[in-house]
Amino acid sequence: MKGFHFLASSLLTLGLVTVSPVALAGEVAAVSSMESQREIKPFNLVHRAYSGDFADQDIPSFHRLAIAYESGQIEAEDLVETAIDQGRLSPDKLDDQGYIHAVRYQLQHLEENNSRDQ
């Protein structure tokens, strides 16, 4: 009988040790998923601005966005700050020069497309 109790408790302990990392991994995945939802890609950020999603924050939309960028009225940092204010982007992206550069690149392409259309 002692052998049975020892075996049962050993299996229970083994099961708990095995399940705990799996449960923890699920929690980490859930947190990572929530964080990644806040990480809008630079292309999507500019596209949302272009589509008018930031009009309430005085970010112009459509061709006016390209014109405002070209004239220096709007900068990449303005879009990043707006997305941060709306909770669509984590605050650390404002210090991420790679991200800022990628937003700037997308804005420059809007400018180029706007110039071709005129």
PDB file of N, CA and C in Angstrom:
ATOM      1  N   MET A   1       0.819  -1.190   0.000  1.00  0.00           N
ATOM      2  CA  MET A   1       0.000   0.000   0.000  1.00  0.00           C
ATOM      3  C   MET A   1       0.864   1.256   0.000  1.00  0.00           C
ATOM      4  N   LYS A   2       1.994   1.216   0.769  1.00  0.00           N
ATOM      5  CA  LYS A   2       2.889   2.362   0.787  1.00  0.00           C
ATOM      6  C   LYS A   2       3.424   2.653  -0.601  1.00  0.00           C
ATOM      7  N   GLY A   3       3.719   1.610  -1.332  1.00  0.00           N
ATOM      8  CA  GLY A   3       4.235   1.758  -2.688  1.00  0.00           C
ATOM      9  C   GLY A   3       3.230   2.449  -3.598  1.00  0.00           C
ATOM     10  N   PHE A   4       1.939   2.129  -3.419  1.00  0.00           N
ATOM     11  CA  PHE A   4       0.890   2.728  -4.223  1.00  0.00           C
ATOM     12  C   PHE A   4       0.792   4.231  -3.928  1.00  0.00           C
ATOM     13  N   HIS A   5       0.815   4.625  -2.635  1.00  0.00           N
ATOM     14  CA  HIS A   5       0.744   6.036  -2.254  1.00  0.00           C
ATOM     15  C   HIS A   5       1.957   6.798  -2.774  1.00  0.00           C
ATOM     16  N   PHE A   6       3.120   6.171  -2.687  1.00  0.00           N
ATOM     17  CA  PHE A   6       4.333   6.815  -3.193  1.00  0.00           C
ATOM     18  C   PHE A   6       4.233   7.035  -4.699  1.00  0.00           C
ATOM     19  N   LEU A   7       3.762   6.004  -5.410  1.00  0.00           N
ATOM     20  CA  LEU A   7       3.605   6.099  -6.859  1.00  0.00           C
ATOM     21  C   LEU A   7       2.564   7.161  -7.227  1.00  0.00           C
ATOM     22  N   ALA A   8       1.464   7.191  -6.523  1.00  0.00           N
ATOM     23  CA  ALA A   8       0.402   8.164  -6.799  1.00  0.00           C
ATOM     24  C   ALA A   8       0.887   9.586  -6.545  1.00  0.00           C
ATOM     25  N   SER A   9       1.576   9.795  -5.437  1.00  0.00           N
ATOM     26  CA  SER A   9       2.062  11.145  -5.140  1.00  0.00           C
ATOM     27  C   SER A   9       3.167  11.553  -6.115  1.00  0.00           C
ATOM     28  N   SER A  10       3.966  10.613  -6.541  1.00  0.00           N
ATOM     29  CA  SER A  10       5.004  10.915  -7.525  1.00  0.00           C
ATOM     30  C   SER A  10       4.386  11.327  -8.857  1.00  0.00           C
ATOM     31  N   LEU A  11       3.348  10.596  -9.273  1.00  0.00           N
ATOM     32  CA  LEU A  11       2.668  10.945 -10.518  1.00  0.00           C
ATOM     33  C   LEU A  11       1.982  12.306 -10.418  1.00  0.00           C
ATOM     34  N   LEU A  12       1.379  12.601  -9.277  1.00  0.00           N
ATOM     35  CA  LEU A  12       0.735  13.894  -9.063  1.00  0.00           C
ATOM     36  C   LEU A  12       1.765  15.016  -9.136  1.00  0.00           C
ATOM     37  N   THR A  13       2.896  14.841  -8.485  1.00  0.00           N
ATOM     38  CA  THR A  13       3.965  15.845  -8.516  1.00  0.00           C
ATOM     39  C   THR A  13       4.482  16.037  -9.934  1.00  0.00           C
ATOM     40  N   LEU A  14       4.698  14.939 -10.626  1.00  0.00           N
ATOM     41  CA  LEU A  14       5.163  15.008 -12.008  1.00  0.00           C
ATOM     42  C   LEU A  14       4.150  15.743 -12.880  1.00  0.00           C
ATOM     43  N   GLY A  15       2.864  15.470 -12.662  1.00  0.00           N
ATOM     44  CA  GLY A  15       1.813  16.155 -13.412  1.00  0.00           C
ATOM     45  C   GLY A  15       1.801  17.643 -13.139  1.00  0.00           C
ATOM     46  N   LEU A  16       1.966  18.056 -11.898  1.00  0.00           N
ATOM     47  CA  LEU A  16       1.989  19.475 -11.548  1.00  0.00           C
ATOM     48  C   LEU A  16       3.198  20.183 -12.151  1.00  0.00           C
ATOM     49  N   VAL A  17       4.330  19.519 -12.106  1.00  0.00           N
ATOM     50  CA  VAL A  17       5.542  20.103 -12.679  1.00  0.00           C
ATOM     51  C   VAL A  17       5.399  20.263 -14.183  1.00  0.00           C
ATOM     52  N   THR A  18       4.753  19.310 -14.821  1.00  0.00           N
ATOM     53  CA  THR A  18       4.572  19.356 -16.267  1.00  0.00           C
ATOM     54  C   THR A  18       3.535  20.393 -16.665  1.00  0.00           C
ATOM     55  N   VAL A  19       2.460  20.526 -15.912  1.00  0.00           N
ATOM     56  CA  VAL A  19       1.374  21.440 -16.258  1.00  0.00           C
ATOM     57  C   VAL A  19       1.757  22.893 -15.982  1.00  0.00           C
ATOM     58  N   SER A  20       2.486  23.155 -14.934  1.00  0.00           N
ATOM     59  CA  SER A  20       2.805  24.538 -14.559  1.00  0.00           C
ATOM     60  C   SER A  20       3.505  25.315 -15.668  1.00  0.00           C
ATOM     61  N   PRO A  21       4.563  24.783 -16.306  1.00  0.00           N
ATOM     62  CA  PRO A  21       5.180  25.543 -17.392  1.00  0.00           C
ATOM     63  C   PRO A  21       4.238  25.771 -18.568  1.00  0.00           C
ATOM     64  N   VAL A  22       3.363  24.815 -18.828  1.00  0.00           N
ATOM     65  CA  VAL A  22       2.417  24.978 -19.926  1.00  0.00           C
ATOM     66  C   VAL A  22       1.451  26.109 -19.602  1.00  0.00           C
ATOM     67  N   ALA A  23       0.946  26.147 -18.390  1.00  0.00           N
ATOM     68  CA  ALA A  23       0.033  27.217 -17.988  1.00  0.00           C
ATOM     69  C   ALA A  23       0.737  28.562 -18.033  1.00  0.00           C
ATOM     70  N   LEU A  24       1.977  28.601 -17.570  1.00  0.00           N
ATOM     71  CA  LEU A  24       2.753  29.839 -17.591  1.00  0.00           C
ATOM     72  C   LEU A  24       2.998  30.289 -19.020  1.00  0.00           C
ATOM     73  N   ALA A  25       3.288  29.353 -19.896  1.00  0.00           N
ATOM     74  CA  ALA A  25       3.511  29.699 -21.301  1.00  0.00           C
ATOM     75  C   ALA A  25       2.252  30.302 -21.901  1.00  0.00           C
ATOM     76  N   GLY A  26       1.089  29.796 -21.508  1.00  0.00           N
ATOM     77  CA  GLY A  26      -0.168  30.361 -21.991  1.00  0.00           C
ATOM     78  C   GLY A  26      -0.356  31.785 -21.531  1.00  0.00           C
ATOM     79  N   GLU A  27       0.006  32.073 -20.275  1.00  0.00           N
ATOM     80  CA  GLU A  27      -0.098  33.441 -19.762  1.00  0.00           C
ATOM     81  C   GLU A  27       0.863  34.362 -20.497  1.00  0.00           C
ATOM     82  N   VAL A  28       2.075  33.918 -20.730  1.00  0.00           N
ATOM     83  CA  VAL A  28       3.056  34.720 -21.455  1.00  0.00           C
ATOM     84  C   VAL A  28       2.580  34.979 -22.870  1.00  0.00           C
ATOM     85  N   ALA A  29       2.011  33.957 -23.520  1.00  0.00           N
ATOM     86  CA  ALA A  29       1.506  34.117 -24.881  1.00  0.00           C
ATOM     87  C   ALA A  29       0.363  35.123 -24.909  1.00  0.00           C
ATOM     88  N   ALA A  30      -0.504  35.092 -23.896  1.00  0.00           N
ATOM     89  CA  ALA A  30      -1.625  36.040 -23.843  1.00  0.00           C
ATOM     90  C   ALA A  30      -1.113  37.457 -23.696  1.00  0.00           C
ATOM     91  N   VAL A  31      -0.127  37.669 -22.836  1.00  0.00           N
ATOM     92  CA  VAL A  31       0.440  39.007 -22.654  1.00  0.00           C
ATOM     93  C   VAL A  31       1.140  39.453 -23.925  1.00  0.00           C
ATOM     94  N   SER A  32       1.914  38.557 -24.550  1.00  0.00           N
ATOM     95  CA  SER A  32       2.604  38.898 -25.788  1.00  0.00           C
ATOM     96  C   SER A  32       1.611  39.241 -26.882  1.00  0.00           C
ATOM     97  N   SER A  33       0.503  38.502 -26.918  1.00  0.00           N
ATOM     98  CA  SER A  33      -0.519  38.768 -27.924  1.00  0.00           C
ATOM     99  C   SER A  33      -1.132  40.146 -27.710  1.00  0.00           C
ATOM    100  N   MET A  34      -1.382  40.510 -26.469  1.00  0.00           N
ATOM    101  CA  MET A  34      -1.946  41.829 -26.179  1.00  0.00           C
ATOM    102  C   MET A  34      -0.964  42.925 -26.569  1.00  0.00           C
ATOM    103  N   GLU A  35       0.313  42.720 -26.280  1.00  0.00           N
ATOM    104  CA  GLU A  35       1.314  43.719 -26.628  1.00  0.00           C
ATOM    105  C   GLU A  35       1.456  43.845 -28.135  1.00  0.00           C
ATOM    106  N   SER A  36       1.409  42.719 -28.845  1.00  0.00           N
ATOM    107  CA  SER A  36       1.581  42.784 -30.290  1.00  0.00           C
ATOM    108  C   SER A  36       0.396  43.467 -30.959  1.00  0.00           C
ATOM    109  N   GLN A  37      -0.774  43.421 -30.319  1.00  0.00           N
ATOM    110  CA  GLN A  37      -1.924  44.118 -30.866  1.00  0.00           C
ATOM    111  C   GLN A  37      -1.701  45.629 -30.824  1.00  0.00           C
ATOM    112  N   ARG A  38      -0.894  46.095 -29.899  1.00  0.00           N
ATOM    113  CA  ARG A  38      -0.604  47.514 -29.788  1.00  0.00           C
ATOM    114  C   ARG A  38       0.494  47.943 -30.741  1.00  0.00           C
ATOM    115  N   GLU A  39       1.134  47.027 -31.385  1.00  0.00           N
ATOM    116  CA  GLU A  39       2.259  47.346 -32.246  1.00  0.00           C
ATOM    117  C   GLU A  39       1.830  47.426 -33.705  1.00  0.00           C
ATOM    118  N   ILE A  40       1.280  48.530 -34.087  1.00  0.00           N
ATOM    119  CA  ILE A  40       0.849  48.741 -35.466  1.00  0.00           C
ATOM    120  C   ILE A  40       2.095  48.946 -36.340  1.00  0.00           C
ATOM    121  N   LYS A  41       2.112  48.321 -37.470  1.00  0.00           N
ATOM    122  CA  LYS A  41       3.244  48.436 -38.394  1.00  0.00           C
ATOM    123  C   LYS A  41       3.272  49.837 -39.003  1.00  0.00           C
ATOM    124  N   PRO A  42       4.460  50.344 -39.349  1.00  0.00           N
ATOM    125  CA  PRO A  42       4.562  51.691 -39.931  1.00  0.00           C
ATOM    126  C   PRO A  42       3.674  51.897 -41.152  1.00  0.00           C
ATOM    127  N   PHE A  43       3.608  50.910 -42.040  1.00  0.00           N
ATOM    128  CA  PHE A  43       2.748  51.036 -43.215  1.00  0.00           C
ATOM    129  C   PHE A  43       1.296  51.227 -42.795  1.00  0.00           C
ATOM    130  N   ASN A  44       0.848  50.408 -41.829  1.00  0.00           N
ATOM    131  CA  ASN A  44      -0.536  50.486 -41.377  1.00  0.00           C
ATOM    132  C   ASN A  44      -0.815  51.793 -40.650  1.00  0.00           C
ATOM    133  N   LEU A  45       0.165  52.295 -39.924  1.00  0.00           N
ATOM    134  CA  LEU A  45       0.006  53.577 -39.234  1.00  0.00           C
ATOM    135  C   LEU A  45      -0.237  54.698 -40.244  1.00  0.00           C
ATOM    136  N   VAL A  46       0.579  54.761 -41.264  1.00  0.00           N
ATOM    137  CA  VAL A  46       0.426  55.802 -42.289  1.00  0.00           C
ATOM    138  C   VAL A  46      -0.874  55.584 -43.061  1.00  0.00           C
ATOM    139  N   HIS A  47      -1.197  54.332 -43.342  1.00  0.00           N
ATOM    140  CA  HIS A  47      -2.447  54.043 -44.054  1.00  0.00           C
ATOM    141  C   HIS A  47      -3.663  54.492 -43.243  1.00  0.00           C
ATOM    142  N   ARG A  48      -3.634  54.255 -41.944  1.00  0.00           N
ATOM    143  CA  ARG A  48      -4.748  54.695 -41.095  1.00  0.00           C
ATOM    144  C   ARG A  48      -4.845  56.212 -41.068  1.00  0.00           C
ATOM    145  N   ALA A  49      -3.708  56.871 -41.012  1.00  0.00           N
ATOM    146  CA  ALA A  49      -3.726  58.336 -41.063  1.00  0.00           C
ATOM    147  C   ALA A  49      -4.285  58.799 -42.399  1.00  0.00           C
ATOM    148  N   TYR A  50      -3.817  58.191 -43.458  1.00  0.00           N
ATOM    149  CA  TYR A  50      -4.271  58.543 -44.803  1.00  0.00           C
ATOM    150  C   TYR A  50      -5.783  58.325 -44.936  1.00  0.00           C
ATOM    151  N   SER A  51      -6.292  57.269 -44.306  1.00  0.00           N
ATOM    152  CA  SER A  51      -7.716  56.935 -44.376  1.00  0.00           C
ATOM    153  C   SER A  51      -8.593  57.806 -43.482  1.00  0.00           C
ATOM    154  N   GLY A  52      -7.967  58.634 -42.654  1.00  0.00           N
ATOM    155  CA  GLY A  52      -8.735  59.553 -41.822  1.00  0.00           C
ATOM    156  C   GLY A  52      -8.950  59.107 -40.394  1.00  0.00           C
ATOM    157  N   ASP A  53      -8.298  58.033 -39.965  1.00  0.00           N
ATOM    158  CA  ASP A  53      -8.477  57.545 -38.596  1.00  0.00           C
ATOM    159  C   ASP A  53      -7.990  58.534 -37.538  1.00  0.00           C
ATOM    160  N   PHE A  54      -7.122  59.462 -37.913  1.00  0.00           N
ATOM    161  CA  PHE A  54      -6.578  60.408 -36.944  1.00  0.00           C
ATOM    162  C   PHE A  54      -7.094  61.830 -37.176  1.00  0.00           C
ATOM    163  N   ALA A  55      -8.168  61.948 -37.916  1.00  0.00           N
ATOM    164  CA  ALA A  55      -8.717  63.270 -38.230  1.00  0.00           C
ATOM    165  C   ALA A  55      -9.135  64.018 -36.960  1.00  0.00           C
ATOM    166  N   ASP A  56      -9.608  63.295 -35.951  1.00  0.00           N
ATOM    167  CA  ASP A  56     -10.003  63.931 -34.689  1.00  0.00           C
ATOM    168  C   ASP A  56      -8.819  64.545 -33.954  1.00  0.00           C
ATOM    169  N   GLN A  57      -7.610  64.120 -34.300  1.00  0.00           N
ATOM    170  CA  GLN A  57      -6.396  64.657 -33.674  1.00  0.00           C
ATOM    171  C   GLN A  57      -5.697  65.643 -34.603  1.00  0.00           C
ATOM    172  N   ASP A  58      -6.434  66.203 -35.540  1.00  0.00           N
ATOM    173  CA  ASP A  58      -5.917  67.214 -36.474  1.00  0.00           C
ATOM    174  C   ASP A  58      -4.828  66.694 -37.403  1.00  0.00           C
ATOM    175  N   ILE A  59      -4.851  65.403 -37.695  1.00  0.00           N
ATOM    176  CA  ILE A  59      -3.964  64.833 -38.702  1.00  0.00           C
ATOM    177  C   ILE A  59      -4.777  64.788 -39.999  1.00  0.00           C
ATOM    178  N   PRO A  60      -4.341  65.509 -41.027  1.00  0.00           N
ATOM    179  CA  PRO A  60      -5.118  65.514 -42.273  1.00  0.00           C
ATOM    180  C   PRO A  60      -5.113  64.146 -42.949  1.00  0.00           C
ATOM    181  N   SER A  61      -6.102  63.918 -43.784  1.00  0.00           N
ATOM    182  CA  SER A  61      -6.214  62.627 -44.456  1.00  0.00           C
ATOM    183  C   SER A  61      -6.062  62.787 -45.965  1.00  0.00           C
ATOM    184  N   PHE A  62      -5.961  61.664 -46.611  1.00  0.00           N
ATOM    185  CA  PHE A  62      -5.846  61.557 -48.059  1.00  0.00           C
ATOM    186  C   PHE A  62      -4.709  62.440 -48.582  1.00  0.00           C
ATOM    187  N   HIS A  63      -4.914  63.130 -49.670  1.00  0.00           N
ATOM    188  CA  HIS A  63      -3.815  63.908 -50.273  1.00  0.00           C
ATOM    189  C   HIS A  63      -3.345  65.047 -49.378  1.00  0.00           C
ATOM    190  N   ARG A  64      -4.218  65.502 -48.501  1.00  0.00           N
ATOM    191  CA  ARG A  64      -3.811  66.574 -47.573  1.00  0.00           C
ATOM    192  C   ARG A  64      -2.719  66.100 -46.625  1.00  0.00           C
ATOM    193  N   LEU A  65      -2.702  64.805 -46.314  1.00  0.00           N
ATOM    194  CA  LEU A  65      -1.638  64.258 -45.467  1.00  0.00           C
ATOM    195  C   LEU A  65      -0.297  64.374 -46.175  1.00  0.00           C
ATOM    196  N   ALA A  66      -0.251  64.009 -47.439  1.00  0.00           N
ATOM    197  CA  ALA A  66       0.990  64.102 -48.213  1.00  0.00           C
ATOM    198  C   ALA A  66       1.439  65.555 -48.329  1.00  0.00           C
ATOM    199  N   ILE A  67       0.500  66.460 -48.560  1.00  0.00           N
ATOM    200  CA  ILE A  67       0.834  67.876 -48.683  1.00  0.00           C
ATOM    201  C   ILE A  67       1.341  68.422 -47.346  1.00  0.00           C
ATOM    202  N   ALA A  68       0.691  68.035 -46.248  1.00  0.00           N
ATOM    203  CA  ALA A  68       1.127  68.487 -44.920  1.00  0.00           C
ATOM    204  C   ALA A  68       2.515  67.962 -44.585  1.00  0.00           C
ATOM    205  N   TYR A  69       2.809  66.728 -44.980  1.00  0.00           N
ATOM    206  CA  TYR A  69       4.149  66.180 -44.741  1.00  0.00           C
ATOM    207  C   TYR A  69       5.179  66.915 -45.591  1.00  0.00           C
ATOM    208  N   GLU A  70       4.845  67.124 -46.838  1.00  0.00           N
ATOM    209  CA  GLU A  70       5.756  67.803 -47.766  1.00  0.00           C
ATOM    210  C   GLU A  70       6.083  69.223 -47.292  1.00  0.00           C
ATOM    211  N   SER A  71       5.099  69.890 -46.714  1.00  0.00           N
ATOM    212  CA  SER A  71       5.300  71.276 -46.267  1.00  0.00           C
ATOM    213  C   SER A  71       5.873  71.364 -44.848  1.00  0.00           C
ATOM    214  N   GLY A  72       6.042  70.225 -44.188  1.00  0.00           N
ATOM    215  CA  GLY A  72       6.632  70.228 -42.853  1.00  0.00           C
ATOM    216  C   GLY A  72       5.631  70.445 -41.732  1.00  0.00           C
ATOM    217  N   GLN A  73       4.351  70.444 -42.051  1.00  0.00           N
ATOM    218  CA  GLN A  73       3.328  70.623 -41.014  1.00  0.00           C
ATOM    219  C   GLN A  73       3.114  69.362 -40.194  1.00  0.00           C
ATOM    220  N   ILE A  74       3.356  68.213 -40.800  1.00  0.00           N
ATOM    221  CA  ILE A  74       3.207  66.913 -40.136  1.00  0.00           C
ATOM    222  C   ILE A  74       4.525  66.163 -40.292  1.00  0.00           C
ATOM    223  N   GLU A  75       4.954  65.543 -39.209  1.00  0.00           N
ATOM    224  CA  GLU A  75       6.165  64.725 -39.242  1.00  0.00           C
ATOM    225  C   GLU A  75       5.824  63.313 -38.784  1.00  0.00           C
ATOM    226  N   ALA A  76       6.736  62.403 -39.002  1.00  0.00           N
ATOM    227  CA  ALA A  76       6.537  61.006 -38.597  1.00  0.00           C
ATOM    228  C   ALA A  76       6.239  60.920 -37.101  1.00  0.00           C
ATOM    229  N   GLU A  77       6.930  61.714 -36.314  1.00  0.00           N
ATOM    230  CA  GLU A  77       6.730  61.706 -34.863  1.00  0.00           C
ATOM    231  C   GLU A  77       5.293  62.090 -34.482  1.00  0.00           C
ATOM    232  N   ASP A  78       4.685  62.961 -35.275  1.00  0.00           N
ATOM    233  CA  ASP A  78       3.298  63.361 -34.996  1.00  0.00           C
ATOM    234  C   ASP A  78       2.351  62.166 -35.111  1.00  0.00           C
ATOM    235  N   LEU A  79       2.554  61.357 -36.138  1.00  0.00           N
ATOM    236  CA  LEU A  79       1.715  60.165 -36.299  1.00  0.00           C
ATOM    237  C   LEU A  79       1.955  59.170 -35.174  1.00  0.00           C
ATOM    238  N   VAL A  80       3.210  58.991 -34.798  1.00  0.00           N
ATOM    239  CA  VAL A  80       3.541  58.048 -33.723  1.00  0.00           C
ATOM    240  C   VAL A  80       2.917  58.525 -32.411  1.00  0.00           C
ATOM    241  N   GLU A  81       3.037  59.810 -32.108  1.00  0.00           N
ATOM    242  CA  GLU A  81       2.449  60.345 -30.879  1.00  0.00           C
ATOM    243  C   GLU A  81       0.932  60.172 -30.871  1.00  0.00           C
ATOM    244  N   THR A  82       0.307  60.398 -32.004  1.00  0.00           N
ATOM    245  CA  THR A  82      -1.142  60.239 -32.101  1.00  0.00           C
ATOM    246  C   THR A  82      -1.544  58.795 -31.859  1.00  0.00           C
ATOM    247  N   ALA A  83      -0.815  57.863 -32.451  1.00  0.00           N
ATOM    248  CA  ALA A  83      -1.116  56.443 -32.252  1.00  0.00           C
ATOM    249  C   ALA A  83      -0.899  56.045 -30.792  1.00  0.00           C
ATOM    250  N   ILE A  84       0.117  56.592 -30.157  1.00  0.00           N
ATOM    251  CA  ILE A  84       0.367  56.324 -28.738  1.00  0.00           C
ATOM    252  C   ILE A  84      -0.795  56.855 -27.914  1.00  0.00           C
ATOM    253  N   ASP A  85      -1.228  58.082 -28.204  1.00  0.00           N
ATOM    254  CA  ASP A  85      -2.345  58.691 -27.473  1.00  0.00           C
ATOM    255  C   ASP A  85      -3.621  57.870 -27.604  1.00  0.00           C
ATOM    256  N   GLN A  86      -3.814  57.229 -28.745  1.00  0.00           N
ATOM    257  CA  GLN A  86      -5.007  56.410 -28.972  1.00  0.00           C
ATOM    258  C   GLN A  86      -4.842  54.979 -28.458  1.00  0.00           C
ATOM    259  N   GLY A  87      -3.665  54.651 -27.923  1.00  0.00           N
ATOM    260  CA  GLY A  87      -3.436  53.307 -27.413  1.00  0.00           C
ATOM    261  C   GLY A  87      -3.164  52.279 -28.490  1.00  0.00           C
ATOM    262  N   ARG A  88      -2.846  52.737 -29.690  1.00  0.00           N
ATOM    263  CA  ARG A  88      -2.576  51.817 -30.800  1.00  0.00           C
ATOM    264  C   ARG A  88      -1.104  51.473 -30.919  1.00  0.00           C
ATOM    265  N   LEU A  89      -0.282  52.132 -30.122  1.00  0.00           N
ATOM    266  CA  LEU A  89       1.163  51.936 -30.216  1.00  0.00           C
ATOM    267  C   LEU A  89       1.763  52.150 -28.832  1.00  0.00           C
ATOM    268  N   SER A  90       2.766  51.372 -28.498  1.00  0.00           N
ATOM    269  CA  SER A  90       3.395  51.517 -27.193  1.00  0.00           C
ATOM    270  C   SER A  90       4.296  52.758 -27.176  1.00  0.00           C
ATOM    271  N   PRO A  91       4.388  53.426 -26.039  1.00  0.00           N
ATOM    272  CA  PRO A  91       5.151  54.676 -25.937  1.00  0.00           C
ATOM    273  C   PRO A  91       6.625  54.561 -26.308  1.00  0.00           C
ATOM    274  N   ASP A  92       7.215  53.382 -26.180  1.00  0.00           N
ATOM    275  CA  ASP A  92       8.634  53.236 -26.496  1.00  0.00           C
ATOM    276  C   ASP A  92       8.936  53.424 -27.981  1.00  0.00           C
ATOM    277  N   LYS A  93       7.909  53.360 -28.830  1.00  0.00           N
ATOM    278  CA  LYS A  93       8.138  53.531 -30.272  1.00  0.00           C
ATOM    279  C   LYS A  93       8.555  54.953 -30.614  1.00  0.00           C
ATOM    280  N   LEU A  94       8.252  55.903 -29.764  1.00  0.00           N
ATOM    281  CA  LEU A  94       8.656  57.283 -30.025  1.00  0.00           C
ATOM    282  C   LEU A  94      10.181  57.432 -29.970  1.00  0.00           C
ATOM    283  N   ASP A  95      10.839  56.563 -29.214  1.00  0.00           N
ATOM    284  CA  ASP A  95      12.301  56.583 -29.113  1.00  0.00           C
ATOM    285  C   ASP A  95      12.968  55.580 -30.050  1.00  0.00           C
ATOM    286  N   ASP A  96      12.177  54.814 -30.777  1.00  0.00           N
ATOM    287  CA  ASP A  96      12.696  53.793 -31.688  1.00  0.00           C
ATOM    288  C   ASP A  96      12.954  54.438 -33.055  1.00  0.00           C
ATOM    289  N   GLN A  97      14.200  54.796 -33.298  1.00  0.00           N
ATOM    290  CA  GLN A  97      14.543  55.502 -34.531  1.00  0.00           C
ATOM    291  C   GLN A  97      14.290  54.669 -35.782  1.00  0.00           C
ATOM    292  N   GLY A  98      14.406  53.363 -35.669  1.00  0.00           N
ATOM    293  CA  GLY A  98      14.092  52.495 -36.800  1.00  0.00           C
ATOM    294  C   GLY A  98      12.615  52.595 -37.167  1.00  0.00           C
ATOM    295  N   TYR A  99      11.768  52.618 -36.147  1.00  0.00           N
ATOM    296  CA  TYR A  99      10.333  52.727 -36.381  1.00  0.00           C
ATOM    297  C   TYR A  99       9.995  54.107 -36.963  1.00  0.00           C
ATOM    298  N   ILE A 100      10.566  55.152 -36.387  1.00  0.00           N
ATOM    299  CA  ILE A 100      10.333  56.523 -36.877  1.00  0.00           C
ATOM    300  C   ILE A 100      10.783  56.627 -38.336  1.00  0.00           C
ATOM    301  N   HIS A 101      11.932  56.056 -38.646  1.00  0.00           N
ATOM    302  CA  HIS A 101      12.442  56.090 -40.016  1.00  0.00           C
ATOM    303  C   HIS A 101      11.480  55.365 -40.965  1.00  0.00           C
ATOM    304  N   ALA A 102      10.944  54.234 -40.525  1.00  0.00           N
ATOM    305  CA  ALA A 102      10.016  53.474 -41.364  1.00  0.00           C
ATOM    306  C   ALA A 102       8.720  54.261 -41.610  1.00  0.00           C
ATOM    307  N   VAL A 103       8.232  54.980 -40.603  1.00  0.00           N
ATOM    308  CA  VAL A 103       7.046  55.821 -40.780  1.00  0.00           C
ATOM    309  C   VAL A 103       7.368  56.961 -41.742  1.00  0.00           C
ATOM    310  N   ARG A 104       8.537  57.549 -41.561  1.00  0.00           N
ATOM    311  CA  ARG A 104       8.967  58.635 -42.450  1.00  0.00           C
ATOM    312  C   ARG A 104       9.051  58.142 -43.900  1.00  0.00           C
ATOM    313  N   TYR A 105       9.578  56.950 -44.076  1.00  0.00           N
ATOM    314  CA  TYR A 105       9.688  56.343 -45.403  1.00  0.00           C
ATOM    315  C   TYR A 105       8.307  56.191 -46.043  1.00  0.00           C
ATOM    316  N   GLN A 106       7.348  55.703 -45.258  1.00  0.00           N
ATOM    317  CA  GLN A 106       5.991  55.544 -45.774  1.00  0.00           C
ATOM    318  C   GLN A 106       5.368  56.896 -46.121  1.00  0.00           C
ATOM    319  N   LEU A 107       5.618  57.898 -45.309  1.00  0.00           N
ATOM    320  CA  LEU A 107       5.112  59.240 -45.600  1.00  0.00           C
ATOM    321  C   LEU A 107       5.738  59.801 -46.876  1.00  0.00           C
ATOM    322  N   GLN A 108       7.014  59.534 -47.084  1.00  0.00           N
ATOM    323  CA  GLN A 108       7.677  60.004 -48.301  1.00  0.00           C
ATOM    324  C   GLN A 108       7.056  59.366 -49.533  1.00  0.00           C
ATOM    325  N   HIS A 109       6.652  58.128 -49.424  1.00  0.00           N
ATOM    326  CA  HIS A 109       6.001  57.466 -50.559  1.00  0.00           C
ATOM    327  C   HIS A 109       4.631  58.064 -50.833  1.00  0.00           C
ATOM    328  N   LEU A 110       3.944  58.507 -49.806  1.00  0.00           N
ATOM    329  CA  LEU A 110       2.683  59.227 -50.026  1.00  0.00           C
ATOM    330  C   LEU A 110       2.947  60.496 -50.815  1.00  0.00           C
ATOM    331  N   GLU A 111       4.014  61.180 -50.429  1.00  0.00           N
ATOM    332  CA  GLU A 111       4.408  62.425 -51.091  1.00  0.00           C
ATOM    333  C   GLU A 111       4.712  62.169 -52.566  1.00  0.00           C
ATOM    334  N   GLU A 112       5.453  61.106 -52.835  1.00  0.00           N
ATOM    335  CA  GLU A 112       5.803  60.765 -54.218  1.00  0.00           C
ATOM    336  C   GLU A 112       4.545  60.425 -55.024  1.00  0.00           C
ATOM    337  N   ASN A 113       3.652  59.648 -54.434  1.00  0.00           N
ATOM    338  CA  ASN A 113       2.412  59.290 -55.120  1.00  0.00           C
ATOM    339  C   ASN A 113       1.547  60.513 -55.368  1.00  0.00           C
ATOM    340  N   ASN A 114       1.530  61.427 -54.422  1.00  0.00           N
ATOM    341  CA  ASN A 114       0.737  62.648 -54.556  1.00  0.00           C
ATOM    342  C   ASN A 114       1.310  63.517 -55.684  1.00  0.00           C
ATOM    343  N   SER A 115       2.631  63.583 -55.788  1.00  0.00           N
ATOM    344  CA  SER A 115       3.272  64.380 -56.835  1.00  0.00           C
ATOM    345  C   SER A 115       2.962  63.804 -58.214  1.00  0.00           C
ATOM    346  N   ARG A 116       2.913  62.484 -58.333  1.00  0.00           N
ATOM    347  CA  ARG A 116       2.605  61.840 -59.612  1.00  0.00           C
ATOM    348  C   ARG A 116       1.163  62.067 -60.033  1.00  0.00           C
ATOM    349  N   ASP A 117       0.267  62.151 -59.041  1.00  0.00           N
ATOM    350  CA  ASP A 117      -1.143  62.317 -59.351  1.00  0.00           C
ATOM    351  C   ASP A 117      -1.476  63.717 -59.854  1.00  0.00           C
ATOM    352  N   GLN A 118      -0.626  64.682 -59.566  1.00  0.00           N
ATOM    353  CA  GLN A 118      -0.932  66.070 -59.941  1.00  0.00           C
ATOM    354  C   GLN A 118      -0.416  66.399 -61.317  1.00  0.00           C
TER     355      GLN A 118
END
